[in-house]
PDB file of all heavy atoms in Angstrom:
ATOM      1  N   THR A   1      73.985  76.124  96.750  1.00  0.00           N
ATOM      2  CA  THR A   1      73.260  77.048  97.634  1.00  0.00           C
ATOM      3  C   THR A   1      71.827  76.543  97.797  1.00  0.00           C
ATOM      4  O   THR A   1      70.866  77.267  97.538  1.00  0.00           O
ATOM      5  CB  THR A   1      73.276  78.487  97.062  1.00  0.00           C
ATOM      6  OG1 THR A   1      72.729  78.487  95.740  1.00  0.00           O
ATOM      7  CG2 THR A   1      74.684  79.061  97.044  1.00  0.00           C
ATOM      8  N   PRO A   2      71.669  75.291  98.226  1.00  0.00           N
ATOM      9  CA  PRO A   2      70.323  74.706  98.287  1.00  0.00           C
ATOM     10  C   PRO A   2      69.405  75.395  99.279  1.00  0.00           C
ATOM     11  O   PRO A   2      68.178  75.311  99.151  1.00  0.00           O
ATOM     12  CB  PRO A   2      70.588  73.250  98.690  1.00  0.00           C
ATOM     13  CG  PRO A   2      71.900  73.290  99.401  1.00  0.00           C
ATOM     14  CD  PRO A   2      72.699  74.348  98.695  1.00  0.00           C
ATOM     15  N   GLU A   3      69.989  76.111 100.227  1.00  0.00           N
ATOM     16  CA  GLU A   3      69.161  76.810 101.206  1.00  0.00           C
ATOM     17  C   GLU A   3      68.436  78.004 100.591  1.00  0.00           C
ATOM     18  O   GLU A   3      67.437  78.488 101.150  1.00  0.00           O
ATOM     19  CB  GLU A   3      70.031  77.284 102.378  1.00  0.00           C
ATOM     20  CG  GLU A   3      71.013  78.404 102.062  1.00  0.00           C
ATOM     21  CD  GLU A   3      72.264  77.972 101.288  1.00  0.00           C
ATOM     22  OE1 GLU A   3      72.464  76.743 101.129  1.00  0.00           O
ATOM     23  OE2 GLU A   3      73.027  78.857 100.865  1.00  0.00           O
ATOM     24  N   THR A   4      68.881  78.480  99.444  1.00  0.00           N
ATOM     25  CA  THR A   4      68.284  79.658  98.819  1.00  0.00           C
ATOM     26  C   THR A   4      67.036  79.320  98.017  1.00  0.00           C
ATOM     27  O   THR A   4      66.138  80.155  97.894  1.00  0.00           O
ATOM     28  CB  THR A   4      69.317  80.340  97.906  1.00  0.00           C
ATOM     29  OG1 THR A   4      70.467  80.699  98.682  1.00  0.00           O
ATOM     30  CG2 THR A   4      68.750  81.602  97.265  1.00  0.00           C
ATOM     31  N   PHE A   5      66.966  78.111  97.472  1.00  0.00           N
ATOM     32  CA  PHE A   5      65.925  77.801  96.502  1.00  0.00           C
ATOM     33  C   PHE A   5      65.036  76.660  96.973  1.00  0.00           C
ATOM     34  O   PHE A   5      65.514  75.620  97.440  1.00  0.00           O
ATOM     35  CB  PHE A   5      66.558  77.455  95.156  1.00  0.00           C
ATOM     36  CG  PHE A   5      67.426  78.562  94.619  1.00  0.00           C
ATOM     37  CD1 PHE A   5      68.806  78.441  94.593  1.00  0.00           C
ATOM     38  CD2 PHE A   5      66.851  79.750  94.179  1.00  0.00           C
ATOM     39  CE1 PHE A   5      69.605  79.465  94.123  1.00  0.00           C
ATOM     40  CE2 PHE A   5      67.645  80.790  93.703  1.00  0.00           C
ATOM     41  CZ  PHE A   5      69.024  80.652  93.676  1.00  0.00           C
ATOM     42  N   ALA A   6      63.740  76.862  96.805  1.00  0.00           N
ATOM     43  CA  ALA A   6      62.764  75.845  97.191  1.00  0.00           C
ATOM     44  C   ALA A   6      62.718  74.711  96.181  1.00  0.00           C
ATOM     45  O   ALA A   6      62.333  73.585  96.525  1.00  0.00           O
ATOM     46  CB  ALA A   6      61.378  76.483  97.334  1.00  0.00           C
ATOM     47  N   CYS A   7      63.085  74.998  94.909  1.00  0.00           N
ATOM     48  CA  CYS A   7      63.109  73.980  93.861  1.00  0.00           C
ATOM     49  C   CYS A   7      63.782  74.582  92.645  1.00  0.00           C
ATOM     50  O   CYS A   7      64.036  75.791  92.599  1.00  0.00           O
ATOM     51  CB  CYS A   7      61.698  73.487  93.518  1.00  0.00           C
ATOM     52  SG  CYS A   7      60.531  74.790  93.059  1.00  0.00           S
ATOM     53  N   GLY A   8      64.054  73.737  91.638  1.00  0.00           N
ATOM     54  CA  GLY A   8      64.733  74.221  90.453  1.00  0.00           C
ATOM     55  C   GLY A   8      64.269  73.516  89.202  1.00  0.00           C
ATOM     56  O   GLY A   8      63.907  72.332  89.234  1.00  0.00           O
ATOM     57  N   VAL A   9      64.294  74.253  88.074  1.00  0.00           N
ATOM     58  CA  VAL A   9      63.944  73.703  86.767  1.00  0.00           C
ATOM     59  C   VAL A   9      65.107  73.978  85.814  1.00  0.00           C
ATOM     60  O   VAL A   9      65.371  75.136  85.465  1.00  0.00           O
ATOM     61  CB  VAL A   9      62.642  74.318  86.210  1.00  0.00           C
ATOM     62  CG1 VAL A   9      62.322  73.722  84.840  1.00  0.00           C
ATOM     63  CG2 VAL A   9      61.490  74.114  87.178  1.00  0.00           C
ATOM     64  N   ASP A  10      65.801  72.921  85.429  1.00  0.00           N
ATOM     65  CA  ASP A  10      66.965  73.010  84.552  1.00  0.00           C
ATOM     66  C   ASP A  10      66.594  72.539  83.162  1.00  0.00           C
ATOM     67  O   ASP A  10      66.129  71.418  82.980  1.00  0.00           O
ATOM     68  CB  ASP A  10      68.095  72.136  85.124  1.00  0.00           C
ATOM     69  CG  ASP A  10      69.056  71.633  84.054  1.00  0.00           C
ATOM     70  OD1 ASP A  10      69.374  72.401  83.134  1.00  0.00           O
ATOM     71  OD2 ASP A  10      69.486  70.454  84.142  1.00  0.00           O
ATOM     72  N   ILE A  11      66.814  73.389  82.157  1.00  0.00           N
ATOM     73  CA  ILE A  11      66.569  73.048  80.758  1.00  0.00           C
ATOM     74  C   ILE A  11      67.909  73.041  80.039  1.00  0.00           C
ATOM     75  O   ILE A  11      68.595  74.068  79.985  1.00  0.00           O
ATOM     76  CB  ILE A  11      65.622  74.071  80.099  1.00  0.00           C
ATOM     77  CG1 ILE A  11      64.383  74.302  80.956  1.00  0.00           C
ATOM     78  CG2 ILE A  11      65.238  73.624  78.695  1.00  0.00           C
ATOM     79  CD1 ILE A  11      63.638  75.578  80.620  1.00  0.00           C
ATOM     80  N   VAL A  12      68.311  71.911  79.517  1.00  0.00           N
ATOM     81  CA  VAL A  12      69.553  71.714  78.755  1.00  0.00           C
ATOM     82  C   VAL A  12      70.748  72.400  79.416  1.00  0.00           C
ATOM     83  O   VAL A  12      71.536  73.086  78.764  1.00  0.00           O
ATOM     84  CB  VAL A  12      69.390  72.150  77.280  1.00  0.00           C
ATOM     85  CG1 VAL A  12      68.341  71.307  76.586  1.00  0.00           C
ATOM     86  CG2 VAL A  12      69.013  73.625  77.125  1.00  0.00           C
ATOM     87  N   GLY A  13      70.903  72.192  80.709  1.00  0.00           N
ATOM     88  CA  GLY A  13      72.010  72.791  81.436  1.00  0.00           C
ATOM     89  C   GLY A  13      73.168  71.823  81.590  1.00  0.00           C
ATOM     90  O   GLY A  13      72.965  70.633  81.854  1.00  0.00           O
ATOM     91  N   PRO A  14      74.415  72.297  81.442  1.00  0.00           N
ATOM     92  CA  PRO A  14      75.572  71.416  81.644  1.00  0.00           C
ATOM     93  C   PRO A  14      75.793  71.120  83.124  1.00  0.00           C
ATOM     94  O   PRO A  14      75.733  72.011  83.961  1.00  0.00           O
ATOM     95  CB  PRO A  14      76.735  72.219  81.064  1.00  0.00           C
ATOM     96  CG  PRO A  14      76.302  73.646  81.139  1.00  0.00           C
ATOM     97  CD  PRO A  14      74.813  73.643  80.983  1.00  0.00           C
ATOM     98  N   SER A  15      76.070  69.860  83.414  1.00  0.00           N
ATOM     99  CA  SER A  15      76.322  69.455  84.794  1.00  0.00           C
ATOM    100  C   SER A  15      77.801  69.219  85.065  1.00  0.00           C
ATOM    101  O   SER A  15      78.235  69.219  86.206  1.00  0.00           O
ATOM    102  CB  SER A  15      75.547  68.177  85.123  1.00  0.00           C
ATOM    103  OG  SER A  15      76.017  67.077  84.363  1.00  0.00           O
ATOM    104  N   ASN A  16      78.583  69.006  83.993  1.00  0.00           N
ATOM    105  CA  ASN A  16      79.999  68.673  84.128  1.00  0.00           C
ATOM    106  C   ASN A  16      80.762  69.526  83.128  1.00  0.00           C
ATOM    107  O   ASN A  16      80.683  69.301  81.917  1.00  0.00           O
ATOM    108  CB  ASN A  16      80.199  67.183  83.849  1.00  0.00           C
ATOM    109  CG  ASN A  16      81.637  66.736  84.023  1.00  0.00           C
ATOM    110  OD1 ASN A  16      82.569  67.537  83.963  1.00  0.00           O
ATOM    111  ND2 ASN A  16      81.825  65.437  84.218  1.00  0.00           N
ATOM    112  N   LEU A  17      81.482  70.524  83.605  1.00  0.00           N
ATOM    113  CA  LEU A  17      82.138  71.456  82.693  1.00  0.00           C
ATOM    114  C   LEU A  17      83.269  70.805  81.914  1.00  0.00           C
ATOM    115  O   LEU A  17      83.612  71.264  80.815  1.00  0.00           O
ATOM    116  CB  LEU A  17      82.640  72.678  83.464  1.00  0.00           C
ATOM    117  CG  LEU A  17      81.555  73.519  84.146  1.00  0.00           C
ATOM    118  CD1 LEU A  17      82.161  74.779  84.762  1.00  0.00           C
ATOM    119  CD2 LEU A  17      80.444  73.888  83.169  1.00  0.00           C
ATOM    120  N   LYS A  18      83.856  69.748  82.451  1.00  0.00           N
ATOM    121  CA  LYS A  18      84.904  69.055  81.696  1.00  0.00           C
ATOM    122  C   LYS A  18      84.327  68.359  80.472  1.00  0.00           C
ATOM    123  O   LYS A  18      84.864  68.484  79.362  1.00  0.00           O
ATOM    124  CB  LYS A  18      85.620  68.041  82.600  1.00  0.00           C
ATOM    125  CG  LYS A  18      86.469  68.671  83.694  1.00  0.00           C
ATOM    126  CD  LYS A  18      87.447  67.684  84.294  1.00  0.00           C
ATOM    127  CE  LYS A  18      86.728  66.515  84.952  1.00  0.00           C
ATOM    128  NZ  LYS A  18      87.690  65.576  85.596  1.00  0.00           N
ATOM    129  N   THR A  19      83.246  67.629  80.656  1.00  0.00           N
ATOM    130  CA  THR A  19      82.650  66.956  79.498  1.00  0.00           C
ATOM    131  C   THR A  19      81.974  67.956  78.565  1.00  0.00           C
ATOM    132  O   THR A  19      81.901  67.725  77.356  1.00  0.00           O
ATOM    133  CB  THR A  19      81.648  65.887  79.951  1.00  0.00           C
ATOM    134  OG1 THR A  19      80.660  66.468  80.807  1.00  0.00           O
ATOM    135  CG2 THR A  19      82.352  64.766  80.691  1.00  0.00           C
ATOM    136  N   LEU A  20      81.497  69.069  79.110  1.00  0.00           N
ATOM    137  CA  LEU A  20      80.914  70.101  78.253  1.00  0.00           C
ATOM    138  C   LEU A  20      81.947  70.610  77.255  1.00  0.00           C
ATOM    139  O   LEU A  20      81.704  70.638  76.039  1.00  0.00           O
ATOM    140  CB  LEU A  20      80.401  71.265  79.099  1.00  0.00           C
ATOM    141  CG  LEU A  20      79.927  72.485  78.312  1.00  0.00           C
ATOM    142  CD1 LEU A  20      78.604  72.210  77.622  1.00  0.00           C
ATOM    143  CD2 LEU A  20      79.816  73.715  79.200  1.00  0.00           C
ATOM    144  N   LEU A  21      83.116  71.018  77.744  1.00  0.00           N
ATOM    145  CA  LEU A  21      84.131  71.577  76.857  1.00  0.00           C
ATOM    146  C   LEU A  21      84.769  70.518  75.966  1.00  0.00           C
ATOM    147  O   LEU A  21      85.311  70.840  74.904  1.00  0.00           O
ATOM    148  CB  LEU A  21      85.190  72.322  77.658  1.00  0.00           C
ATOM    149  CG  LEU A  21      84.924  73.833  77.795  1.00  0.00           C
ATOM    150  CD1 LEU A  21      83.689  74.106  78.627  1.00  0.00           C
ATOM    151  CD2 LEU A  21      86.126  74.553  78.377  1.00  0.00           C
ATOM    152  N   ALA A  22      84.683  69.256  76.382  1.00  0.00           N
ATOM    153  CA  ALA A  22      85.243  68.181  75.564  1.00  0.00           C
ATOM    154  C   ALA A  22      84.318  67.779  74.426  1.00  0.00           C
ATOM    155  O   ALA A  22      84.729  67.028  73.529  1.00  0.00           O
ATOM    156  CB  ALA A  22      85.538  66.963  76.442  1.00  0.00           C
ATOM    157  N   SER A  23      83.078  68.282  74.429  1.00  0.00           N
ATOM    158  CA  SER A  23      82.096  67.815  73.447  1.00  0.00           C
ATOM    159  C   SER A  23      81.423  68.947  72.682  1.00  0.00           C
ATOM    160  O   SER A  23      80.350  68.760  72.119  1.00  0.00           O
ATOM    161  CB  SER A  23      81.033  66.969  74.155  1.00  0.00           C
ATOM    162  OG  SER A  23      80.332  67.739  75.129  1.00  0.00           O
ATOM    163  N   VAL A  24      82.036  70.135  72.657  1.00  0.00           N
ATOM    164  CA  VAL A  24      81.422  71.237  71.914  1.00  0.00           C
ATOM    165  C   VAL A  24      81.449  70.917  70.427  1.00  0.00           C
ATOM    166  O   VAL A  24      82.282  70.143  69.953  1.00  0.00           O
ATOM    167  CB  VAL A  24      82.133  72.579  72.194  1.00  0.00           C
ATOM    168  CG1 VAL A  24      82.012  72.974  73.650  1.00  0.00           C
ATOM    169  CG2 VAL A  24      83.590  72.525  71.756  1.00  0.00           C
ATOM    170  N   PRO A  25      80.535  71.490  69.647  1.00  0.00           N
ATOM    171  CA  PRO A  25      80.519  71.202  68.205  1.00  0.00           C
ATOM    172  C   PRO A  25      81.837  71.591  67.553  1.00  0.00           C
ATOM    173  O   PRO A  25      82.490  72.561  67.956  1.00  0.00           O
ATOM    174  CB  PRO A  25      79.371  72.081  67.689  1.00  0.00           C
ATOM    175  CG  PRO A  25      78.532  72.377  68.877  1.00  0.00           C
ATOM    176  CD  PRO A  25      79.458  72.417  70.042  1.00  0.00           C
ATOM    177  N   PRO A  26      82.257  70.863  66.533  1.00  0.00           N
ATOM    178  CA  PRO A  26      83.545  71.184  65.892  1.00  0.00           C
ATOM    179  C   PRO A  26      83.595  72.589  65.305  1.00  0.00           C
ATOM    180  O   PRO A  26      84.655  73.211  65.270  1.00  0.00           O
ATOM    181  CB  PRO A  26      83.669  70.113  64.799  1.00  0.00           C
ATOM    182  CG  PRO A  26      82.297  69.553  64.606  1.00  0.00           C
ATOM    183  CD  PRO A  26      81.624  69.678  65.928  1.00  0.00           C
ATOM    184  N   TYR A  27      82.425  73.107  64.858  1.00  0.00           N
ATOM    185  CA  TYR A  27      82.417  74.439  64.253  1.00  0.00           C
ATOM    186  C   TYR A  27      82.517  75.553  65.283  1.00  0.00           C
ATOM    187  O   TYR A  27      82.457  76.731  64.929  1.00  0.00           O
ATOM    188  CB  TYR A  27      81.192  74.636  63.358  1.00  0.00           C
ATOM    189  CG  TYR A  27      79.874  74.186  63.958  1.00  0.00           C
ATOM    190  CD1 TYR A  27      79.175  74.991  64.841  1.00  0.00           C
ATOM    191  CD2 TYR A  27      79.337  72.952  63.632  1.00  0.00           C
ATOM    192  CE1 TYR A  27      77.973  74.583  65.396  1.00  0.00           C
ATOM    193  CE2 TYR A  27      78.128  72.529  64.173  1.00  0.00           C
ATOM    194  CZ  TYR A  27      77.452  73.352  65.060  1.00  0.00           C
ATOM    195  OH  TYR A  27      76.262  72.948  65.608  1.00  0.00           O
ATOM    196  N   TRP A  28      82.681  75.195  66.563  1.00  0.00           N
ATOM    197  CA  TRP A  28      83.005  76.198  67.577  1.00  0.00           C
ATOM    198  C   TRP A  28      84.519  76.389  67.710  1.00  0.00           C
ATOM    199  O   TRP A  28      84.979  77.049  68.638  1.00  0.00           O
ATOM    200  CB  TRP A  28      82.425  75.804  68.924  1.00  0.00           C
ATOM    201  CG  TRP A  28      80.957  76.079  69.058  1.00  0.00           C
ATOM    202  CD1 TRP A  28      80.058  76.341  68.072  1.00  0.00           C
ATOM    203  CD2 TRP A  28      80.209  76.116  70.277  1.00  0.00           C
ATOM    204  NE1 TRP A  28      78.802  76.537  68.583  1.00  0.00           N
ATOM    205  CE2 TRP A  28      78.866  76.401  69.936  1.00  0.00           C
ATOM    206  CE3 TRP A  28      80.536  75.932  71.618  1.00  0.00           C
ATOM    207  CZ2 TRP A  28      77.861  76.516  70.893  1.00  0.00           C
ATOM    208  CZ3 TRP A  28      79.540  76.034  72.575  1.00  0.00           C
ATOM    209  CH2 TRP A  28      78.216  76.326  72.213  1.00  0.00           C
ATOM    210  N   ALA A  29      85.298  75.827  66.801  1.00  0.00           N
ATOM    211  CA  ALA A  29      86.757  75.895  66.915  1.00  0.00           C
ATOM    212  C   ALA A  29      87.254  77.329  67.011  1.00  0.00           C
ATOM    213  O   ALA A  29      88.189  77.627  67.772  1.00  0.00           O
ATOM    214  CB  ALA A  29      87.404  75.195  65.715  1.00  0.00           C
ATOM    215  N   SER A  30      86.636  78.229  66.256  1.00  0.00           N
ATOM    216  CA  SER A  30      87.101  79.618  66.265  1.00  0.00           C
ATOM    217  C   SER A  30      86.824  80.310  67.590  1.00  0.00           C
ATOM    218  O   SER A  30      87.426  81.350  67.887  1.00  0.00           O
ATOM    219  CB  SER A  30      86.437  80.407  65.129  1.00  0.00           C
ATOM    220  OG  SER A  30      85.035  80.502  65.334  1.00  0.00           O
ATOM    221  N   PHE A  31      85.931  79.744  68.392  1.00  0.00           N
ATOM    222  CA  PHE A  31      85.568  80.364  69.671  1.00  0.00           C
ATOM    223  C   PHE A  31      86.172  79.631  70.866  1.00  0.00           C
ATOM    224  O   PHE A  31      86.029  80.080  71.998  1.00  0.00           O
ATOM    225  CB  PHE A  31      84.046  80.389  69.803  1.00  0.00           C
ATOM    226  CG  PHE A  31      83.530  81.201  70.960  1.00  0.00           C
ATOM    227  CD1 PHE A  31      83.616  82.580  70.957  1.00  0.00           C
ATOM    228  CD2 PHE A  31      82.972  80.582  72.071  1.00  0.00           C
ATOM    229  CE1 PHE A  31      83.151  83.334  72.026  1.00  0.00           C
ATOM    230  CE2 PHE A  31      82.500  81.320  73.141  1.00  0.00           C
ATOM    231  CZ  PHE A  31      82.590  82.698  73.116  1.00  0.00           C
ATOM    232  N   PHE A  32      86.877  78.536  70.614  1.00  0.00           N
ATOM    233  CA  PHE A  32      87.292  77.699  71.740  1.00  0.00           C
ATOM    234  C   PHE A  32      88.242  78.422  72.688  1.00  0.00           C
ATOM    235  O   PHE A  32      88.170  78.232  73.914  1.00  0.00           O
ATOM    236  CB  PHE A  32      87.930  76.398  71.250  1.00  0.00           C
ATOM    237  CG  PHE A  32      88.158  75.424  72.373  1.00  0.00           C
ATOM    238  CD1 PHE A  32      87.118  74.637  72.846  1.00  0.00           C
ATOM    239  CD2 PHE A  32      89.399  75.318  72.992  1.00  0.00           C
ATOM    240  CE1 PHE A  32      87.296  73.763  73.900  1.00  0.00           C
ATOM    241  CE2 PHE A  32      89.600  74.449  74.050  1.00  0.00           C
ATOM    242  CZ  PHE A  32      88.545  73.662  74.509  1.00  0.00           C
ATOM    243  N   GLU A  33      89.135  79.253  72.157  1.00  0.00           N
ATOM    244  CA  GLU A  33      90.067  79.959  73.052  1.00  0.00           C
ATOM    245  C   GLU A  33      89.307  80.894  73.991  1.00  0.00           C
ATOM    246  O   GLU A  33      89.694  81.077  75.146  1.00  0.00           O
ATOM    247  CB  GLU A  33      91.109  80.729  72.244  1.00  0.00           C
ATOM    248  CG  GLU A  33      92.039  79.859  71.426  1.00  0.00           C
ATOM    249  CD  GLU A  33      92.804  78.837  72.258  1.00  0.00           C
ATOM    250  OE1 GLU A  33      93.070  79.108  73.454  1.00  0.00           O
ATOM    251  OE2 GLU A  33      93.132  77.770  71.710  1.00  0.00           O
ATOM    252  N   GLN A  34      88.228  81.497  73.492  1.00  0.00           N
ATOM    253  CA  GLN A  34      87.405  82.323  74.370  1.00  0.00           C
ATOM    254  C   GLN A  34      86.725  81.476  75.441  1.00  0.00           C
ATOM    255  O   GLN A  34      86.650  81.880  76.607  1.00  0.00           O
ATOM    256  CB  GLN A  34      86.355  83.065  73.538  1.00  0.00           C
ATOM    257  CG  GLN A  34      86.868  84.308  72.849  1.00  0.00           C
ATOM    258  CD  GLN A  34      87.108  85.455  73.816  1.00  0.00           C
ATOM    259  OE1 GLN A  34      86.277  85.741  74.673  1.00  0.00           O
ATOM    260  NE2 GLN A  34      88.249  86.105  73.693  1.00  0.00           N
ATOM    261  N   LEU A  35      86.215  80.306  75.056  1.00  0.00           N
ATOM    262  CA  LEU A  35      85.611  79.410  76.044  1.00  0.00           C
ATOM    263  C   LEU A  35      86.612  79.046  77.127  1.00  0.00           C
ATOM    264  O   LEU A  35      86.304  79.101  78.327  1.00  0.00           O
ATOM    265  CB  LEU A  35      85.112  78.140  75.362  1.00  0.00           C
ATOM    266  CG  LEU A  35      83.754  78.158  74.673  1.00  0.00           C
ATOM    267  CD1 LEU A  35      83.520  76.834  73.963  1.00  0.00           C
ATOM    268  CD2 LEU A  35      82.641  78.406  75.681  1.00  0.00           C
ATOM    269  N   ALA A  36      87.797  78.658  76.713  1.00  0.00           N
ATOM    270  CA  ALA A  36      88.818  78.257  77.677  1.00  0.00           C
ATOM    271  C   ALA A  36      89.197  79.415  78.593  1.00  0.00           C
ATOM    272  O   ALA A  36      89.396  79.235  79.804  1.00  0.00           O
ATOM    273  CB  ALA A  36      90.051  77.737  76.936  1.00  0.00           C
TER     274      ALA A  36
END
C-alpha cells in the first residue's frame, strides 16, 4: 500500500515469512503450532 505512506521505518521486521518460520529459536517449539 505504498500510496498510503510517505515513508517507513522498519525495526527488526521479518521480510520473508517462510524463512522467518524456518528459523525461529528452538525453545519456541511449544508455541510452533500456534505460529503455524
